[in-house]
Amino acid sequence: MQDELDGVLGPPDSLEFRLPTWDDRPSTPYLEAVISETLRHHPPLGTGVPHSVTEEDEYRGWRIPKGSIVFANAWGMLHSEENYKNPQVFQPERFLGDTPELDPLSNGTFGFGRR
C-alpha cells in the first residue's frame, strides 16, 4: 500500500510529495481494498442502528410485531462464510481482480435503510 501511495503522491521526503485528493482514488485500488477490508473486518457499528418495524413481519418463522425495535447483526453479515471466503482473515485482495467479493459498504457496514 505504501508503494502504491508513493507512486501516486511521491515519496514523503521528496519535494514532489503532495497530499491525496479524491481524484487519486482510481489510482489507488489497493488502498481502497484495505479500507473496504478494514470496514468489513471491524465494522464501526457492530449491530447497526436500531430500526422500528413499520408493519408486522415474519422472519424464519418468527413473528415480528409492528413497532418492534430490531437490530441487524452487521458484524455477523460481514463475517458470513456465505458472502466472504475465510471471513476471519484480514485479506484486502478479496476486493481486487475480476471477481471481487461483496462490497461491505453495500452490505451493512454503516447500517441499513434510508440515509
PDB file of N, CA and C in Angstrom:
ATOM      1  N   MET A   1       0.829  -1.175   0.000  1.00  0.00           N
ATOM      2  CA  MET A   1       0.000   0.000   0.000  1.00  0.00           C
ATOM      3  C   MET A   1       0.883   1.252   0.000  1.00  0.00           C
ATOM      4  N   GLN A   2       1.965   1.211   0.777  1.00  0.00           N
ATOM      5  CA  GLN A   2       2.864   2.370   0.827  1.00  0.00           C
ATOM      6  C   GLN A   2       3.483   2.625  -0.535  1.00  0.00           C
ATOM      7  N   ASP A   3       3.900   1.557  -1.243  1.00  0.00           N
ATOM      8  CA  ASP A   3       4.471   1.730  -2.584  1.00  0.00           C
ATOM      9  C   ASP A   3       3.449   2.344  -3.537  1.00  0.00           C
ATOM     10  N   GLU A   4       2.182   1.900  -3.416  1.00  0.00           N
ATOM     11  CA  GLU A   4       1.131   2.452  -4.262  1.00  0.00           C
ATOM     12  C   GLU A   4       0.957   3.951  -3.991  1.00  0.00           C
ATOM     13  N   LEU A   5       0.905   4.331  -2.725  1.00  0.00           N
ATOM     14  CA  LEU A   5       0.766   5.748  -2.370  1.00  0.00           C
ATOM     15  C   LEU A   5       1.977   6.568  -2.814  1.00  0.00           C
ATOM     16  N   ASP A   6       3.172   6.026  -2.593  1.00  0.00           N
ATOM     17  CA  ASP A   6       4.380   6.745  -3.011  1.00  0.00           C
ATOM     18  C   ASP A   6       4.400   6.956  -4.522  1.00  0.00           C
ATOM     19  N   GLY A   7       3.901   5.968  -5.284  1.00  0.00           N
ATOM     20  CA  GLY A   7       3.858   6.098  -6.739  1.00  0.00           C
ATOM     21  C   GLY A   7       2.895   7.170  -7.210  1.00  0.00           C
ATOM     22  N   VAL A   8       1.839   7.402  -6.458  1.00  0.00           N
ATOM     23  CA  VAL A   8       0.838   8.406  -6.841  1.00  0.00           C
ATOM     24  C   VAL A   8       1.164   9.778  -6.256  1.00  0.00           C
ATOM     25  N   LEU A   9       1.603   9.807  -4.995  1.00  0.00           N
ATOM     26  CA  LEU A   9       1.802  11.076  -4.291  1.00  0.00           C
ATOM     27  C   LEU A   9       3.257  11.538  -4.245  1.00  0.00           C
ATOM     28  N   GLY A  10       4.164  10.633  -4.552  1.00  0.00           N
ATOM     29  CA  GLY A  10       5.582  10.931  -4.410  1.00  0.00           C
ATOM     30  C   GLY A  10       6.041  10.507  -3.025  1.00  0.00           C
ATOM     31  N   PRO A  11       7.325  10.196  -2.873  1.00  0.00           N
ATOM     32  CA  PRO A  11       7.822   9.788  -1.555  1.00  0.00           C
ATOM     33  C   PRO A  11       7.670  10.925  -0.538  1.00  0.00           C
ATOM     34  N   PRO A  12       7.350  10.594   0.723  1.00  0.00           N
ATOM     35  CA  PRO A  12       7.097  11.630   1.736  1.00  0.00           C
ATOM     36  C   PRO A  12       8.259  12.587   1.960  1.00  0.00           C
ATOM     37  N   ASP A  13       9.475  12.153   1.702  1.00  0.00           N
ATOM     38  CA  ASP A  13      10.640  13.012   1.962  1.00  0.00           C
ATOM     39  C   ASP A  13      11.118  13.754   0.717  1.00  0.00           C
ATOM     40  N   SER A  14      10.291  13.782  -0.345  1.00  0.00           N
ATOM     41  CA  SER A  14      10.699  14.463  -1.576  1.00  0.00           C
ATOM     42  C   SER A  14       9.956  15.781  -1.757  1.00  0.00           C
ATOM     43  N   LEU A  15      10.473  16.605  -2.642  1.00  0.00           N
ATOM     44  CA  LEU A  15       9.826  17.881  -2.954  1.00  0.00           C
ATOM     45  C   LEU A  15       8.551  17.677  -3.774  1.00  0.00           C
ATOM     46  N   GLU A  16       8.419  16.518  -4.433  1.00  0.00           N
ATOM     47  CA  GLU A  16       7.238  16.232  -5.253  1.00  0.00           C
ATOM     48  C   GLU A  16       6.056  15.741  -4.425  1.00  0.00           C
ATOM     49  N   PHE A  17       6.274  15.430  -3.155  1.00  0.00           N
ATOM     50  CA  PHE A  17       5.202  14.888  -2.309  1.00  0.00           C
ATOM     51  C   PHE A  17       4.029  15.861  -2.219  1.00  0.00           C
ATOM     52  N   ARG A  18       2.824  15.300  -2.257  1.00  0.00           N
ATOM     53  CA  ARG A  18       1.597  16.082  -2.091  1.00  0.00           C
ATOM     54  C   ARG A  18       0.595  15.240  -1.332  1.00  0.00           C
ATOM     55  N   LEU A  19      -0.424  15.866  -0.816  1.00  0.00           N
ATOM     56  CA  LEU A  19      -1.488  15.146  -0.123  1.00  0.00           C
ATOM     57  C   LEU A  19      -2.459  14.554  -1.151  1.00  0.00           C
ATOM     58  N   PRO A  20      -3.112  13.458  -0.817  1.00  0.00           N
ATOM     59  CA  PRO A  20      -4.049  12.850  -1.772  1.00  0.00           C
ATOM     60  C   PRO A  20      -5.313  13.680  -1.938  1.00  0.00           C
ATOM     61  N   THR A  21      -5.950  13.505  -3.085  1.00  0.00           N
ATOM     62  CA  THR A  21      -7.250  14.122  -3.365  1.00  0.00           C
ATOM     63  C   THR A  21      -8.210  13.023  -3.807  1.00  0.00           C
ATOM     64  N   TRP A  22      -9.495  13.362  -3.931  1.00  0.00           N
ATOM     65  CA  TRP A  22     -10.478  12.382  -4.402  1.00  0.00           C
ATOM     66  C   TRP A  22     -10.125  11.889  -5.796  1.00  0.00           C
ATOM     67  N   ASP A  23      -9.478  12.719  -6.586  1.00  0.00           N
ATOM     68  CA  ASP A  23      -9.104  12.324  -7.948  1.00  0.00           C
ATOM     69  C   ASP A  23      -8.086  11.195  -7.961  1.00  0.00           C
ATOM     70  N   ASP A  24      -7.412  10.943  -6.841  1.00  0.00           N
ATOM     71  CA  ASP A  24      -6.408   9.875  -6.762  1.00  0.00           C
ATOM     72  C   ASP A  24      -7.030   8.494  -6.529  1.00  0.00           C
ATOM     73  N   ARG A  25      -8.299   8.428  -6.208  1.00  0.00           N
ATOM     74  CA  ARG A  25      -8.920   7.144  -5.866  1.00  0.00           C
ATOM     75  C   ARG A  25      -8.766   6.081  -6.955  1.00  0.00           C
ATOM     76  N   PRO A  26      -8.991   6.402  -8.234  1.00  0.00           N
ATOM     77  CA  PRO A  26      -8.819   5.353  -9.255  1.00  0.00           C
ATOM     78  C   PRO A  26      -7.382   4.831  -9.349  1.00  0.00           C
ATOM     79  N   SER A  27      -6.418   5.604  -8.899  1.00  0.00           N
ATOM     80  CA  SER A  27      -5.008   5.208  -8.962  1.00  0.00           C
ATOM     81  C   SER A  27      -4.545   4.448  -7.726  1.00  0.00           C
ATOM     82  N   THR A  28      -5.430   4.246  -6.766  1.00  0.00           N
ATOM     83  CA  THR A  28      -5.049   3.573  -5.523  1.00  0.00           C
ATOM     84  C   THR A  28      -6.001   2.416  -5.200  1.00  0.00           C
ATOM     85  N   PRO A  29      -6.080   1.415  -6.080  1.00  0.00           N
ATOM     86  CA  PRO A  29      -7.027   0.315  -5.841  1.00  0.00           C
ATOM     87  C   PRO A  29      -6.691  -0.505  -4.597  1.00  0.00           C
ATOM     88  N   TYR A  30      -5.422  -0.693  -4.298  1.00  0.00           N
ATOM     89  CA  TYR A  30      -5.092  -1.491  -3.113  1.00  0.00           C
ATOM     90  C   TYR A  30      -5.475  -0.745  -1.837  1.00  0.00           C
ATOM     91  N   LEU A  31      -5.256   0.559  -1.805  1.00  0.00           N
ATOM     92  CA  LEU A  31      -5.680   1.362  -0.656  1.00  0.00           C
ATOM     93  C   LEU A  31      -7.194   1.251  -0.474  1.00  0.00           C
ATOM     94  N   GLU A  32      -7.960   1.334  -1.560  1.00  0.00           N
ATOM     95  CA  GLU A  32      -9.413   1.178  -1.491  1.00  0.00           C
ATOM     96  C   GLU A  32      -9.780  -0.195  -0.925  1.00  0.00           C
ATOM     97  N   ALA A  33      -9.040  -1.228  -1.358  1.00  0.00           N
ATOM     98  CA  ALA A  33      -9.307  -2.582  -0.865  1.00  0.00           C
ATOM     99  C   ALA A  33      -8.995  -2.694   0.626  1.00  0.00           C
ATOM    100  N   VAL A  34      -7.922  -2.050   1.085  1.00  0.00           N
ATOM    101  CA  VAL A  34      -7.576  -2.072   2.510  1.00  0.00           C
ATOM    102  C   VAL A  34      -8.661  -1.373   3.329  1.00  0.00           C
ATOM    103  N   ILE A  35      -9.163  -0.261   2.839  1.00  0.00           N
ATOM    104  CA  ILE A  35     -10.226   0.451   3.545  1.00  0.00           C
ATOM    105  C   ILE A  35     -11.483  -0.418   3.617  1.00  0.00           C
ATOM    106  N   SER A  36     -11.860  -1.037   2.492  1.00  0.00           N
ATOM    107  CA  SER A  36     -13.042  -1.907   2.481  1.00  0.00           C
ATOM    108  C   SER A  36     -12.869  -3.080   3.429  1.00  0.00           C
ATOM    109  N   GLU A  37     -11.686  -3.692   3.430  1.00  0.00           N
ATOM    110  CA  GLU A  37     -11.457  -4.838   4.305  1.00  0.00           C
ATOM    111  C   GLU A  37     -11.431  -4.426   5.773  1.00  0.00           C
ATOM    112  N   THR A  38     -10.911  -3.252   6.066  1.00  0.00           N
ATOM    113  CA  THR A  38     -10.914  -2.754   7.444  1.00  0.00           C
ATOM    114  C   THR A  38     -12.346  -2.564   7.931  1.00  0.00           C
ATOM    115  N   LEU A  39     -13.197  -1.972   7.089  1.00  0.00           N
ATOM    116  CA  LEU A  39     -14.595  -1.759   7.465  1.00  0.00           C
ATOM    117  C   LEU A  39     -15.364  -3.069   7.552  1.00  0.00           C
ATOM    118  N   ARG A  40     -14.994  -4.051   6.727  1.00  0.00           N
ATOM    119  CA  ARG A  40     -15.649  -5.362   6.805  1.00  0.00           C
ATOM    120  C   ARG A  40     -15.210  -6.112   8.058  1.00  0.00           C
ATOM    121  N   HIS A  41     -13.926  -6.119   8.309  1.00  0.00           N
ATOM    122  CA  HIS A  41     -13.371  -6.902   9.404  1.00  0.00           C
ATOM    123  C   HIS A  41     -13.745  -6.329  10.773  1.00  0.00           C
ATOM    124  N   HIS A  42     -13.800  -5.003  10.872  1.00  0.00           N
ATOM    125  CA  HIS A  42     -14.149  -4.332  12.128  1.00  0.00           C
ATOM    126  C   HIS A  42     -15.178  -3.247  11.858  1.00  0.00           C
ATOM    127  N   PRO A  43     -16.445  -3.628  11.599  1.00  0.00           N
ATOM    128  CA  PRO A  43     -17.453  -2.609  11.280  1.00  0.00           C
ATOM    129  C   PRO A  43     -17.634  -1.635  12.444  1.00  0.00           C
ATOM    130  N   PRO A  44     -17.764  -0.350  12.146  1.00  0.00           N
ATOM    131  CA  PRO A  44     -17.894   0.647  13.213  1.00  0.00           C
ATOM    132  C   PRO A  44     -19.156   0.487  14.044  1.00  0.00           C
ATOM    133  N   LEU A  45     -20.216  -0.058  13.471  1.00  0.00           N
ATOM    134  CA  LEU A  45     -21.470  -0.285  14.195  1.00  0.00           C
ATOM    135  C   LEU A  45     -21.767  -1.781  14.160  1.00  0.00           C
ATOM    136  N   GLY A  46     -21.247  -2.524  15.120  1.00  0.00           N
ATOM    137  CA  GLY A  46     -21.358  -3.979  15.102  1.00  0.00           C
ATOM    138  C   GLY A  46     -22.755  -4.518  14.915  1.00  0.00           C
ATOM    139  N   THR A  47     -23.730  -3.909  15.561  1.00  0.00           N
ATOM    140  CA  THR A  47     -25.109  -4.370  15.397  1.00  0.00           C
ATOM    141  C   THR A  47     -25.931  -3.380  14.585  1.00  0.00           C
ATOM    142  N   GLY A  48     -25.283  -2.420  13.985  1.00  0.00           N
ATOM    143  CA  GLY A  48     -26.029  -1.447  13.210  1.00  0.00           C
ATOM    144  C   GLY A  48     -26.799  -0.492  14.099  1.00  0.00           C
ATOM    145  N   VAL A  49     -27.693   0.236  13.507  1.00  0.00           N
ATOM    146  CA  VAL A  49     -28.525   1.217  14.208  1.00  0.00           C
ATOM    147  C   VAL A  49     -29.904   0.591  14.421  1.00  0.00           C
ATOM    148  N   PRO A  50     -30.522   0.783  15.581  1.00  0.00           N
ATOM    149  CA  PRO A  50     -31.848   0.183  15.789  1.00  0.00           C
ATOM    150  C   PRO A  50     -32.879   0.742  14.805  1.00  0.00           C
ATOM    151  N   HIS A  51     -33.752  -0.127  14.354  1.00  0.00           N
ATOM    152  CA  HIS A  51     -34.833   0.258  13.448  1.00  0.00           C
ATOM    153  C   HIS A  51     -36.161  -0.167  14.057  1.00  0.00           C
ATOM    154  N   SER A  52     -37.206   0.564  13.735  1.00  0.00           N
ATOM    155  CA  SER A  52     -38.557   0.227  14.174  1.00  0.00           C
ATOM    156  C   SER A  52     -39.283  -0.431  13.003  1.00  0.00           C
ATOM    157  N   VAL A  53     -39.945  -1.545  13.285  1.00  0.00           N
ATOM    158  CA  VAL A  53     -40.690  -2.258  12.249  1.00  0.00           C
ATOM    159  C   VAL A  53     -41.988  -1.494  11.990  1.00  0.00           C
ATOM    160  N   THR A  54     -42.232  -1.099  10.739  1.00  0.00           N
ATOM    161  CA  THR A  54     -43.398  -0.271  10.411  1.00  0.00           C
ATOM    162  C   THR A  54     -44.656  -1.093  10.164  1.00  0.00           C
ATOM    163  N   GLU A  55     -44.493  -2.394   9.900  1.00  0.00           N
ATOM    164  CA  GLU A  55     -45.649  -3.276   9.767  1.00  0.00           C
ATOM    165  C   GLU A  55     -45.242  -4.673  10.214  1.00  0.00           C
ATOM    166  N   GLU A  56     -46.202  -5.441  10.656  1.00  0.00           N
ATOM    167  CA  GLU A  56     -45.907  -6.794  11.134  1.00  0.00           C
ATOM    168  C   GLU A  56     -45.166  -7.570  10.057  1.00  0.00           C
ATOM    169  N   ASP A  57     -44.212  -8.391  10.484  1.00  0.00           N
ATOM    170  CA  ASP A  57     -43.394  -9.142   9.542  1.00  0.00           C
ATOM    171  C   ASP A  57     -43.112 -10.521  10.124  1.00  0.00           C
ATOM    172  N   GLU A  58     -42.534 -11.376   9.318  1.00  0.00           N
ATOM    173  CA  GLU A  58     -42.129 -12.701   9.780  1.00  0.00           C
ATOM    174  C   GLU A  58     -40.739 -12.980   9.224  1.00  0.00           C
ATOM    175  N   TYR A  59     -39.888 -13.532  10.072  1.00  0.00           N
ATOM    176  CA  TYR A  59     -38.534 -13.893   9.660  1.00  0.00           C
ATOM    177  C   TYR A  59     -38.233 -15.287  10.173  1.00  0.00           C
ATOM    178  N   ARG A  60     -38.011 -16.219   9.246  1.00  0.00           N
ATOM    179  CA  ARG A  60     -37.698 -17.611   9.589  1.00  0.00           C
ATOM    180  C   ARG A  60     -38.690 -18.196  10.605  1.00  0.00           C
ATOM    181  N   GLY A  61     -39.961 -17.890  10.395  1.00  0.00           N
ATOM    182  CA  GLY A  61     -41.000 -18.435  11.264  1.00  0.00           C
ATOM    183  C   GLY A  61     -41.256 -17.625  12.523  1.00  0.00           C
ATOM    184  N   TRP A  62     -40.483 -16.603  12.752  1.00  0.00           N
ATOM    185  CA  TRP A  62     -40.661 -15.766  13.948  1.00  0.00           C
ATOM    186  C   TRP A  62     -41.508 -14.556  13.581  1.00  0.00           C
ATOM    187  N   ARG A  63     -42.572 -14.313  14.362  1.00  0.00           N
ATOM    188  CA  ARG A  63     -43.427 -13.149  14.139  1.00  0.00           C
ATOM    189  C   ARG A  63     -42.770 -11.922  14.752  1.00  0.00           C
ATOM    190  N   ILE A  64     -42.719 -10.843  13.975  1.00  0.00           N
ATOM    191  CA  ILE A  64     -42.162  -9.571  14.450  1.00  0.00           C
ATOM    192  C   ILE A  64     -43.306  -8.559  14.429  1.00  0.00           C
ATOM    193  N   PRO A  65     -43.844  -8.197  15.604  1.00  0.00           N
ATOM    194  CA  PRO A  65     -44.982  -7.277  15.646  1.00  0.00           C
ATOM    195  C   PRO A  65     -44.609  -5.867  15.167  1.00  0.00           C
ATOM    196  N   LYS A  66     -45.582  -5.199  14.605  1.00  0.00           N
ATOM    197  CA  LYS A  66     -45.408  -3.801  14.203  1.00  0.00           C
ATOM    198  C   LYS A  66     -44.944  -2.994  15.417  1.00  0.00           C
ATOM    199  N   GLY A  67     -43.984  -2.078  15.207  1.00  0.00           N
ATOM    200  CA  GLY A  67     -43.480  -1.234  16.283  1.00  0.00           C
ATOM    201  C   GLY A  67     -42.297  -1.830  17.034  1.00  0.00           C
ATOM    202  N   SER A  68     -41.956  -3.088  16.749  1.00  0.00           N
ATOM    203  CA  SER A  68     -40.799  -3.704  17.409  1.00  0.00           C
ATOM    204  C   SER A  68     -39.514  -2.987  17.005  1.00  0.00           C
ATOM    205  N   ILE A  69     -38.563  -2.992  17.915  1.00  0.00           N
ATOM    206  CA  ILE A  69     -37.234  -2.455  17.620  1.00  0.00           C
ATOM    207  C   ILE A  69     -36.348  -3.633  17.252  1.00  0.00           C
ATOM    208  N   VAL A  70     -35.686  -3.552  16.113  1.00  0.00           N
ATOM    209  CA  VAL A  70     -34.813  -4.638  15.656  1.00  0.00           C
ATOM    210  C   VAL A  70     -33.409  -4.093  15.398  1.00  0.00           C
ATOM    211  N   PHE A  71     -32.446  -4.959  15.602  1.00  0.00           N
ATOM    212  CA  PHE A  71     -31.041  -4.654  15.319  1.00  0.00           C
ATOM    213  C   PHE A  71     -30.551  -5.666  14.285  1.00  0.00           C
ATOM    214  N   ALA A  72     -29.946  -5.202  13.228  1.00  0.00           N
ATOM    215  CA  ALA A  72     -29.327  -6.104  12.259  1.00  0.00           C
ATOM    216  C   ALA A  72     -27.922  -6.419  12.760  1.00  0.00           C
ATOM    217  N   ASN A  73     -27.496  -7.642  12.626  1.00  0.00           N
ATOM    218  CA  ASN A  73     -26.168  -8.044  13.066  1.00  0.00           C
ATOM    219  C   ASN A  73     -25.174  -7.801  11.935  1.00  0.00           C
ATOM    220  N   ALA A  74     -24.739  -6.551  11.795  1.00  0.00           N
ATOM    221  CA  ALA A  74     -23.813  -6.192  10.719  1.00  0.00           C
ATOM    222  C   ALA A  74     -22.531  -7.005  10.811  1.00  0.00           C
ATOM    223  N   TRP A  75     -22.002  -7.167  12.020  1.00  0.00           N
ATOM    224  CA  TRP A  75     -20.768  -7.938  12.177  1.00  0.00           C
ATOM    225  C   TRP A  75     -20.961  -9.351  11.646  1.00  0.00           C
ATOM    226  N   GLY A  76     -22.063  -9.978  11.998  1.00  0.00           N
ATOM    227  CA  GLY A  76     -22.330 -11.336  11.538  1.00  0.00           C
ATOM    228  C   GLY A  76     -22.458 -11.419  10.026  1.00  0.00           C
ATOM    229  N   MET A  77     -23.128 -10.450   9.431  1.00  0.00           N
ATOM    230  CA  MET A  77     -23.290 -10.440   7.978  1.00  0.00           C
ATOM    231  C   MET A  77     -21.942 -10.244   7.276  1.00  0.00           C
ATOM    232  N   LEU A  78     -21.096  -9.395   7.845  1.00  0.00           N
ATOM    233  CA  LEU A  78     -19.805  -9.102   7.232  1.00  0.00           C
ATOM    234  C   LEU A  78     -18.766 -10.185   7.513  1.00  0.00           C
ATOM    235  N   HIS A  79     -19.120 -11.153   8.367  1.00  0.00           N
ATOM    236  CA  HIS A  79     -18.235 -12.289   8.647  1.00  0.00           C
ATOM    237  C   HIS A  79     -18.887 -13.617   8.243  1.00  0.00           C
ATOM    238  N   SER A  80     -19.884 -13.540   7.391  1.00  0.00           N
ATOM    239  CA  SER A  80     -20.595 -14.731   6.935  1.00  0.00           C
ATOM    240  C   SER A  80     -19.791 -15.466   5.862  1.00  0.00           C
ATOM    241  N   GLU A  81     -19.661 -16.778   6.035  1.00  0.00           N
ATOM    242  CA  GLU A  81     -18.963 -17.576   5.024  1.00  0.00           C
ATOM    243  C   GLU A  81     -19.776 -17.680   3.738  1.00  0.00           C
ATOM    244  N   GLU A  82     -21.062 -17.336   3.791  1.00  0.00           N
ATOM    245  CA  GLU A  82     -21.871 -17.310   2.572  1.00  0.00           C
ATOM    246  C   GLU A  82     -21.464 -16.154   1.669  1.00  0.00           C
ATOM    247  N   ASN A  83     -20.964 -15.066   2.270  1.00  0.00           N
ATOM    248  CA  ASN A  83     -20.592 -13.879   1.496  1.00  0.00           C
ATOM    249  C   ASN A  83     -19.089 -13.699   1.325  1.00  0.00           C
ATOM    250  N   TYR A  84     -18.292 -14.218   2.249  1.00  0.00           N
ATOM    251  CA  TYR A  84     -16.847 -13.976   2.238  1.00  0.00           C
ATOM    252  C   TYR A  84     -16.077 -15.264   2.500  1.00  0.00           C
ATOM    253  N   LYS A  85     -15.082 -15.543   1.662  1.00  0.00           N
ATOM    254  CA  LYS A  85     -14.216 -16.695   1.883  1.00  0.00           C
ATOM    255  C   LYS A  85     -13.265 -16.368   3.035  1.00  0.00           C
ATOM    256  N   ASN A  86     -13.101 -17.277   3.955  1.00  0.00           N
ATOM    257  CA  ASN A  86     -12.224 -17.073   5.116  1.00  0.00           C
ATOM    258  C   ASN A  86     -12.504 -15.731   5.784  1.00  0.00           C
ATOM    259  N   PRO A  87     -13.720 -15.529   6.294  1.00  0.00           N
ATOM    260  CA  PRO A  87     -14.115 -14.212   6.802  1.00  0.00           C
ATOM    261  C   PRO A  87     -13.323 -13.731   8.015  1.00  0.00           C
ATOM    262  N   GLN A  88     -12.669 -14.628   8.754  1.00  0.00           N
ATOM    263  CA  GLN A  88     -11.906 -14.200   9.928  1.00  0.00           C
ATOM    264  C   GLN A  88     -10.520 -13.670   9.559  1.00  0.00           C
ATOM    265  N   VAL A  89     -10.118 -13.855   8.309  1.00  0.00           N
ATOM    266  CA  VAL A  89      -8.789 -13.441   7.853  1.00  0.00           C
ATOM    267  C   VAL A  89      -8.874 -12.049   7.236  1.00  0.00           C
ATOM    268  N   PHE A  90      -7.941 -11.172   7.633  1.00  0.00           N
ATOM    269  CA  PHE A  90      -7.853  -9.838   7.038  1.00  0.00           C
ATOM    270  C   PHE A  90      -7.159  -9.977   5.695  1.00  0.00           C
ATOM    271  N   GLN A  91      -7.911  -9.790   4.607  1.00  0.00           N
ATOM    272  CA  GLN A  91      -7.402 -10.066   3.269  1.00  0.00           C
ATOM    273  C   GLN A  91      -7.949  -9.032   2.273  1.00  0.00           C
ATOM    274  N   PRO A  92      -7.281  -7.879   2.132  1.00  0.00           N
ATOM    275  CA  PRO A  92      -7.764  -6.843   1.217  1.00  0.00           C
ATOM    276  C   PRO A  92      -7.883  -7.314  -0.237  1.00  0.00           C
ATOM    277  N   GLU A  93      -7.096  -8.291  -0.621  1.00  0.00           N
ATOM    278  CA  GLU A  93      -7.114  -8.778  -2.004  1.00  0.00           C
ATOM    279  C   GLU A  93      -8.470  -9.338  -2.410  1.00  0.00           C
ATOM    280  N   ARG A  94      -9.329  -9.650  -1.445  1.00  0.00           N
ATOM    281  CA  ARG A  94     -10.652 -10.199  -1.762  1.00  0.00           C
ATOM    282  C   ARG A  94     -11.492  -9.201  -2.571  1.00  0.00           C
ATOM    283  N   PHE A  95     -11.130  -7.917  -2.559  1.00  0.00           N
ATOM    284  CA  PHE A  95     -11.898  -6.894  -3.270  1.00  0.00           C
ATOM    285  C   PHE A  95     -11.238  -6.467  -4.582  1.00  0.00           C
ATOM    286  N   LEU A  96     -10.190  -7.169  -4.978  1.00  0.00           N
ATOM    287  CA  LEU A  96      -9.476  -6.850  -6.218  1.00  0.00           C
ATOM    288  C   LEU A  96      -9.717  -7.948  -7.250  1.00  0.00           C
ATOM    289  N   GLY A  97      -9.357  -7.689  -8.483  1.00  0.00           N
ATOM    290  CA  GLY A  97      -9.448  -8.698  -9.530  1.00  0.00           C
ATOM    291  C   GLY A  97     -10.784  -8.707 -10.241  1.00  0.00           C
ATOM    292  N   ASP A  98     -10.977  -9.747 -11.056  1.00  0.00           N
ATOM    293  CA  ASP A  98     -12.167  -9.852 -11.898  1.00  0.00           C
ATOM    294  C   ASP A  98     -13.427 -10.251 -11.135  1.00  0.00           C
ATOM    295  N   THR A  99     -13.261 -10.946 -10.011  1.00  0.00           N
ATOM    296  CA  THR A  99     -14.429 -11.396  -9.249  1.00  0.00           C
ATOM    297  C   THR A  99     -14.293 -10.986  -7.782  1.00  0.00           C
ATOM    298  N   PRO A 100     -14.400  -9.691  -7.499  1.00  0.00           N
ATOM    299  CA  PRO A 100     -14.284  -9.247  -6.103  1.00  0.00           C
ATOM    300  C   PRO A 100     -15.463  -9.744  -5.274  1.00  0.00           C
ATOM    301  N   GLU A 101     -15.210  -9.916  -3.991  1.00  0.00           N
ATOM    302  CA  GLU A 101     -16.278 -10.319  -3.087  1.00  0.00           C
ATOM    303  C   GLU A 101     -17.195  -9.132  -2.809  1.00  0.00           C
ATOM    304  N   LEU A 102     -18.314  -9.404  -2.161  1.00  0.00           N
ATOM    305  CA  LEU A 102     -19.352  -8.403  -1.900  1.00  0.00           C
ATOM    306  C   LEU A 102     -18.789  -7.174  -1.192  1.00  0.00           C
ATOM    307  N   ASP A 103     -19.079  -6.008  -1.725  1.00  0.00           N
ATOM    308  CA  ASP A 103     -18.605  -4.744  -1.160  1.00  0.00           C
ATOM    309  C   ASP A 103     -19.245  -4.517   0.209  1.00  0.00           C
ATOM    310  N   PRO A 104     -18.440  -4.389   1.276  1.00  0.00           N
ATOM    311  CA  PRO A 104     -19.024  -4.214   2.606  1.00  0.00           C
ATOM    312  C   PRO A 104     -19.802  -2.920   2.763  1.00  0.00           C
ATOM    313  N   LEU A 105     -19.504  -1.910   1.965  1.00  0.00           N
ATOM    314  CA  LEU A 105     -20.251  -0.653   2.070  1.00  0.00           C
ATOM    315  C   LEU A 105     -21.692  -0.818   1.602  1.00  0.00           C
ATOM    316  N   SER A 106     -21.940  -1.811   0.740  1.00  0.00           N
ATOM    317  CA  SER A 106     -23.311  -2.066   0.298  1.00  0.00           C
ATOM    318  C   SER A 106     -23.945  -3.200   1.098  1.00  0.00           C
ATOM    319  N   ASN A 107     -23.209  -3.735   2.063  1.00  0.00           N
ATOM    320  CA  ASN A 107     -23.692  -4.892   2.819  1.00  0.00           C
ATOM    321  C   ASN A 107     -23.810  -4.597   4.315  1.00  0.00           C
ATOM    322  N   GLY A 108     -24.085  -3.359   4.691  1.00  0.00           N
ATOM    323  CA  GLY A 108     -24.425  -3.088   6.072  1.00  0.00           C
ATOM    324  C   GLY A 108     -23.343  -2.533   6.970  1.00  0.00           C
ATOM    325  N   THR A 109     -22.199  -2.130   6.430  1.00  0.00           N
ATOM    326  CA  THR A 109     -21.147  -1.594   7.285  1.00  0.00           C
ATOM    327  C   THR A 109     -21.645  -0.432   8.147  1.00  0.00           C
ATOM    328  N   PHE A 110     -22.433   0.446   7.568  1.00  0.00           N
ATOM    329  CA  PHE A 110     -22.926   1.612   8.304  1.00  0.00           C
ATOM    330  C   PHE A 110     -24.428   1.527   8.554  1.00  0.00           C
ATOM    331  N   GLY A 111     -24.972   0.338   8.589  1.00  0.00           N
ATOM    332  CA  GLY A 111     -26.382   0.165   8.865  1.00  0.00           C
ATOM    333  C   GLY A 111     -27.196  -0.066   7.599  1.00  0.00           C
ATOM    334  N   PHE A 112     -28.500   0.029   7.726  1.00  0.00           N
ATOM    335  CA  PHE A 112     -29.408  -0.311   6.662  1.00  0.00           C
ATOM    336  C   PHE A 112     -30.500   0.738   6.541  1.00  0.00           C
ATOM    337  N   GLY A 113     -31.165   0.742   5.425  1.00  0.00           N
ATOM    338  CA  GLY A 113     -32.296   1.646   5.261  1.00  0.00           C
ATOM    339  C   GLY A 113     -31.901   2.994   4.681  1.00  0.00           C
ATOM    340  N   ARG A 114     -32.856   3.900   4.711  1.00  0.00           N
ATOM    341  CA  ARG A 114     -32.640   5.234   4.130  1.00  0.00           C
ATOM    342  C   ARG A 114     -31.597   6.004   4.900  1.00  0.00           C
ATOM    343  N   ARG A 115     -30.944   6.903   4.192  1.00  0.00           N
ATOM    344  CA  ARG A 115     -29.965   7.797   4.803  1.00  0.00           C
ATOM    345  C   ARG A 115     -30.358   9.213   4.487  1.00  0.00           C
TER     346      ARG A 115
END
